Amino acid sequence: MLDGSTGPEHAIVRYFSVYGEPQVPKPGSHSWMVPWMAMSAHTGRPIRLNGGGTQVRDMVHVEDIARATILALVAERMAAGRSTSAPACRPWCAASAS
């Protein structure tokens, strides 16, 4: 896909709940759950779980997202313009972490 011999190609990679450095908590966004919880724990504040913490998320580290993006660029099957998701495939529920 990157050699330019077949004209413009594209790959679509869908990212989900990405976390990793440097990330600053942003109120109201579930993708900021990891840094928000870490900041609360670090400062001694209670960790608030919206909805009782029963929501299931598939958290993916930013380094895994970078690898998935590179693989999508070089994978033959992606050259046909297909899309793929980049989840960790490890569903996680905040309420089960306690």
N, C-alpha and C. Protein backbone atom coordinates (compact mmCIF):
# COMPACT_ATOMS: atom_id res chain seq x y z
N MET A 1 0.82 -1.19 0.00
CA MET A 1 0.00 0.00 0.00
C MET A 1 0.86 1.26 0.00
N LEU A 2 2.03 1.19 0.58
CA LEU A 2 2.86 2.39 0.70
C LEU A 2 3.84 2.58 -0.45
N ASP A 3 3.92 1.61 -1.39
CA ASP A 3 4.93 1.76 -2.44
C ASP A 3 4.49 2.68 -3.59
N GLY A 4 3.23 3.09 -3.63
CA GLY A 4 2.76 4.03 -4.63
C GLY A 4 2.53 3.44 -6.01
N SER A 5 2.71 2.13 -6.18
CA SER A 5 2.60 1.53 -7.50
C SER A 5 1.16 1.35 -7.98
N THR A 6 0.20 1.38 -7.11
CA THR A 6 -1.18 1.11 -7.52
C THR A 6 -2.08 2.34 -7.37
N GLY A 7 -1.52 3.50 -7.20
CA GLY A 7 -2.33 4.70 -7.03
C GLY A 7 -2.75 4.89 -5.59
N PRO A 8 -3.59 5.87 -5.36
CA PRO A 8 -3.98 6.16 -3.98
C PRO A 8 -4.78 5.01 -3.37
N GLU A 9 -4.43 4.61 -2.21
CA GLU A 9 -5.12 3.58 -1.45
C GLU A 9 -5.48 4.17 -0.10
N HIS A 10 -6.32 3.48 0.63
CA HIS A 10 -6.64 3.97 1.96
C HIS A 10 -6.94 2.80 2.89
N ALA A 11 -6.78 3.07 4.15
CA ALA A 11 -7.13 2.11 5.20
C ALA A 11 -7.90 2.88 6.25
N ILE A 12 -8.96 2.30 6.75
CA ILE A 12 -9.75 2.93 7.80
C ILE A 12 -9.59 2.12 9.07
N VAL A 13 -9.10 2.75 10.10
CA VAL A 13 -8.93 2.08 11.40
C VAL A 13 -9.78 2.85 12.41
N ARG A 14 -10.69 2.15 13.06
CA ARG A 14 -11.55 2.78 14.06
C ARG A 14 -10.92 2.61 15.43
N TYR A 15 -10.71 3.71 16.11
CA TYR A 15 -10.13 3.69 17.46
C TYR A 15 -11.25 3.79 18.49
N PHE A 16 -11.05 3.14 19.61
CA PHE A 16 -12.05 3.19 20.67
C PHE A 16 -11.46 3.88 21.89
N SER A 17 -11.67 3.38 23.05
CA SER A 17 -11.26 4.05 24.29
C SER A 17 -9.74 3.97 24.45
N VAL A 18 -9.06 4.96 23.89
CA VAL A 18 -7.59 4.99 23.90
C VAL A 18 -7.10 5.71 25.15
N TYR A 19 -6.05 5.16 25.77
CA TYR A 19 -5.44 5.81 26.92
C TYR A 19 -3.93 5.74 26.78
N GLY A 20 -3.22 6.58 27.51
CA GLY A 20 -1.76 6.57 27.51
C GLY A 20 -1.21 7.97 27.71
N GLU A 21 0.07 8.05 27.92
CA GLU A 21 0.75 9.32 28.16
C GLU A 21 0.91 10.10 26.87
N PRO A 22 0.89 11.39 26.87
CA PRO A 22 0.39 12.26 27.94
C PRO A 22 -1.11 12.46 27.74
N GLN A 23 -1.87 12.20 28.75
CA GLN A 23 -3.32 12.35 28.65
C GLN A 23 -3.82 13.09 29.87
N VAL A 24 -4.63 14.09 29.65
CA VAL A 24 -5.18 14.91 30.73
C VAL A 24 -6.67 14.63 30.82
N PRO A 25 -7.20 14.42 32.03
CA PRO A 25 -8.63 14.11 32.16
C PRO A 25 -9.53 15.20 31.57
N LYS A 26 -10.57 14.76 30.90
CA LYS A 26 -11.54 15.66 30.28
C LYS A 26 -12.92 15.24 30.77
N PRO A 27 -13.61 16.10 31.52
CA PRO A 27 -14.92 15.73 32.06
C PRO A 27 -15.90 15.31 30.96
N GLY A 28 -16.66 14.25 31.25
CA GLY A 28 -17.71 13.81 30.35
C GLY A 28 -17.29 12.90 29.21
N SER A 29 -16.04 12.52 29.14
CA SER A 29 -15.58 11.66 28.05
C SER A 29 -15.12 10.33 28.62
N HIS A 30 -15.75 9.22 28.16
CA HIS A 30 -15.37 7.91 28.70
C HIS A 30 -13.96 7.51 28.31
N SER A 31 -13.43 8.05 27.23
CA SER A 31 -12.07 7.68 26.84
C SER A 31 -11.02 8.26 27.77
N TRP A 32 -11.45 9.15 28.65
CA TRP A 32 -10.53 9.75 29.62
C TRP A 32 -10.65 9.07 30.98
N MET A 33 -11.32 7.92 31.04
CA MET A 33 -11.59 7.27 32.31
C MET A 33 -10.30 6.87 33.04
N VAL A 34 -9.34 6.32 32.35
CA VAL A 34 -8.10 5.86 33.01
C VAL A 34 -7.36 7.02 33.67
N PRO A 35 -7.06 8.13 32.96
CA PRO A 35 -6.35 9.22 33.64
C PRO A 35 -7.20 9.89 34.72
N TRP A 36 -8.51 9.94 34.52
CA TRP A 36 -9.39 10.55 35.52
C TRP A 36 -9.34 9.75 36.82
N MET A 37 -9.43 8.43 36.72
CA MET A 37 -9.37 7.58 37.91
C MET A 37 -7.98 7.65 38.55
N ALA A 38 -6.94 7.66 37.74
CA ALA A 38 -5.57 7.73 38.27
C ALA A 38 -5.34 9.05 38.99
N MET A 39 -5.83 10.17 38.42
CA MET A 39 -5.66 11.47 39.06
C MET A 39 -6.42 11.51 40.38
N SER A 40 -7.63 10.98 40.41
CA SER A 40 -8.41 10.96 41.65
C SER A 40 -7.69 10.15 42.72
N ALA A 41 -7.20 8.99 42.35
CA ALA A 41 -6.49 8.14 43.32
C ALA A 41 -5.22 8.82 43.80
N HIS A 42 -4.49 9.45 42.89
CA HIS A 42 -3.22 10.10 43.24
C HIS A 42 -3.43 11.28 44.19
N THR A 43 -4.53 12.00 44.04
CA THR A 43 -4.79 13.17 44.88
C THR A 43 -5.64 12.83 46.11
N GLY A 44 -5.96 11.56 46.30
CA GLY A 44 -6.72 11.14 47.48
C GLY A 44 -8.21 11.41 47.41
N ARG A 45 -8.70 11.77 46.24
CA ARG A 45 -10.14 12.00 46.08
C ARG A 45 -10.84 10.68 45.77
N PRO A 46 -12.11 10.58 46.14
CA PRO A 46 -12.83 9.35 45.82
C PRO A 46 -12.97 9.16 44.31
N ILE A 47 -12.95 7.92 43.89
CA ILE A 47 -13.13 7.61 42.47
C ILE A 47 -14.62 7.44 42.22
N ARG A 48 -15.18 8.36 41.45
CA ARG A 48 -16.61 8.34 41.14
C ARG A 48 -16.86 7.49 39.90
N LEU A 49 -17.76 6.54 40.04
CA LEU A 49 -18.10 5.67 38.92
C LEU A 49 -19.49 6.05 38.41
N ASN A 50 -19.55 6.66 37.25
CA ASN A 50 -20.84 7.02 36.66
C ASN A 50 -21.65 5.76 36.37
N GLY A 51 -22.93 5.81 36.69
CA GLY A 51 -23.79 4.66 36.42
C GLY A 51 -23.43 3.45 37.25
N GLY A 52 -22.73 3.65 38.36
CA GLY A 52 -22.34 2.53 39.21
C GLY A 52 -21.13 1.77 38.69
N GLY A 53 -20.54 2.24 37.61
CA GLY A 53 -19.34 1.58 37.08
C GLY A 53 -19.63 0.32 36.29
N THR A 54 -20.88 0.13 35.90
CA THR A 54 -21.24 -1.11 35.20
C THR A 54 -21.03 -1.05 33.69
N GLN A 55 -20.68 0.12 33.15
CA GLN A 55 -20.42 0.21 31.72
C GLN A 55 -19.19 -0.62 31.37
N VAL A 56 -19.23 -1.27 30.23
CA VAL A 56 -18.11 -2.09 29.78
C VAL A 56 -17.36 -1.32 28.70
N ARG A 57 -16.07 -1.22 28.84
CA ARG A 57 -15.22 -0.52 27.87
C ARG A 57 -14.13 -1.47 27.40
N ASP A 58 -13.62 -1.21 26.23
CA ASP A 58 -12.49 -1.94 25.69
C ASP A 58 -11.35 -0.93 25.58
N MET A 59 -10.59 -0.79 26.65
CA MET A 59 -9.53 0.20 26.72
C MET A 59 -8.32 -0.27 25.91
N VAL A 60 -7.76 0.63 25.09
CA VAL A 60 -6.63 0.29 24.24
C VAL A 60 -5.52 1.31 24.49
N HIS A 61 -4.32 0.82 24.76
CA HIS A 61 -3.19 1.72 25.01
C HIS A 61 -2.75 2.38 23.69
N VAL A 62 -2.30 3.61 23.78
CA VAL A 62 -1.92 4.39 22.60
C VAL A 62 -0.80 3.70 21.80
N GLU A 63 0.11 2.97 22.44
CA GLU A 63 1.16 2.26 21.70
C GLU A 63 0.57 1.12 20.86
N ASP A 64 -0.49 0.47 21.37
CA ASP A 64 -1.16 -0.57 20.59
C ASP A 64 -1.88 0.04 19.39
N ILE A 65 -2.43 1.24 19.58
CA ILE A 65 -3.08 1.95 18.47
C ILE A 65 -2.06 2.30 17.39
N ALA A 66 -0.88 2.74 17.82
CA ALA A 66 0.17 3.07 16.85
C ALA A 66 0.56 1.84 16.04
N ARG A 67 0.72 0.69 16.71
CA ARG A 67 1.06 -0.55 16.00
C ARG A 67 -0.06 -0.94 15.03
N ALA A 68 -1.31 -0.83 15.47
CA ALA A 68 -2.45 -1.19 14.61
C ALA A 68 -2.50 -0.31 13.37
N THR A 69 -2.18 0.97 13.54
CA THR A 69 -2.20 1.90 12.41
C THR A 69 -1.12 1.53 11.40
N ILE A 70 0.07 1.22 11.89
CA ILE A 70 1.17 0.82 10.99
C ILE A 70 0.82 -0.47 10.26
N LEU A 71 0.28 -1.44 10.99
CA LEU A 71 -0.11 -2.71 10.36
C LEU A 71 -1.18 -2.49 9.30
N ALA A 72 -2.11 -1.59 9.56
CA ALA A 72 -3.16 -1.30 8.58
C ALA A 72 -2.57 -0.70 7.30
N LEU A 73 -1.51 0.07 7.44
CA LEU A 73 -0.89 0.69 6.27
C LEU A 73 -0.14 -0.31 5.40
N VAL A 74 0.36 -1.37 5.99
CA VAL A 74 1.17 -2.32 5.23
C VAL A 74 0.44 -3.62 4.92
N ALA A 75 -0.73 -3.84 5.49
CA ALA A 75 -1.45 -5.10 5.29
C ALA A 75 -2.10 -5.13 3.91
N GLU A 76 -1.90 -6.21 3.19
CA GLU A 76 -2.48 -6.36 1.85
C GLU A 76 -4.00 -6.31 1.89
N ARG A 77 -4.61 -6.92 2.88
CA ARG A 77 -6.06 -6.98 2.93
C ARG A 77 -6.68 -5.60 3.14
N MET A 78 -5.94 -4.68 3.73
CA MET A 78 -6.46 -3.34 3.95
C MET A 78 -6.38 -2.50 2.67
N ALA A 79 -5.54 -2.88 1.74
CA ALA A 79 -5.35 -2.09 0.52
C ALA A 79 -6.61 -2.02 -0.32
N ALA A 80 -7.55 -2.92 -0.10
CA ALA A 80 -8.79 -2.92 -0.88
C ALA A 80 -9.78 -1.89 -0.35
N GLY A 81 -9.39 -1.08 0.61
CA GLY A 81 -10.26 -0.04 1.14
C GLY A 81 -11.20 -0.52 2.23
N ARG A 82 -10.90 -1.65 2.81
CA ARG A 82 -11.73 -2.15 3.90
C ARG A 82 -11.41 -1.40 5.18
N SER A 83 -12.30 -1.52 6.14
CA SER A 83 -12.05 -0.90 7.44
C SER A 83 -11.84 -1.98 8.49
N THR A 84 -11.20 -1.60 9.58
CA THR A 84 -10.99 -2.52 10.69
C THR A 84 -11.09 -1.74 11.98
N SER A 85 -11.33 -2.44 13.05
CA SER A 85 -11.36 -1.81 14.37
C SER A 85 -10.07 -2.13 15.09
N ALA A 86 -9.70 -1.28 16.04
CA ALA A 86 -8.47 -1.50 16.79
C ALA A 86 -8.78 -1.61 18.28
N PRO A 87 -9.61 -2.59 18.67
CA PRO A 87 -9.88 -2.76 20.09
C PRO A 87 -8.84 -3.67 20.73
N ALA A 88 -8.78 -3.66 22.03
CA ALA A 88 -7.88 -4.56 22.75
C ALA A 88 -8.51 -5.94 22.89
N CYS A 89 -9.82 -6.02 22.71
CA CYS A 89 -10.57 -7.28 22.86
C CYS A 89 -10.49 -7.82 24.28
N ARG A 90 -10.40 -6.90 25.23
CA ARG A 90 -10.41 -7.26 26.65
C ARG A 90 -11.42 -6.35 27.34
N PRO A 91 -12.73 -6.65 27.23
CA PRO A 91 -13.72 -5.80 27.89
C PRO A 91 -13.43 -5.64 29.37
N TRP A 92 -13.64 -4.44 29.88
CA TRP A 92 -13.30 -4.11 31.27
C TRP A 92 -14.44 -3.31 31.88
N CYS A 93 -14.80 -3.65 33.10
CA CYS A 93 -15.86 -2.96 33.81
C CYS A 93 -15.26 -2.35 35.08
N ALA A 94 -15.40 -1.04 35.27
CA ALA A 94 -14.79 -0.35 36.41
C ALA A 94 -15.28 -0.92 37.74
N ALA A 95 -16.55 -1.30 37.83
CA ALA A 95 -17.09 -1.82 39.09
C ALA A 95 -16.42 -3.13 39.48
N SER A 96 -15.93 -3.89 38.53
CA SER A 96 -15.28 -5.17 38.85
C SER A 96 -13.84 -4.99 39.29
N ALA A 97 -13.31 -3.78 39.17
CA ALA A 97 -11.91 -3.52 39.54
C ALA A 97 -11.72 -3.30 41.03
N SER A 98 -12.80 -3.13 41.76
CA SER A 98 -12.65 -2.85 43.19
C SER A 98 -12.55 -4.10 44.02
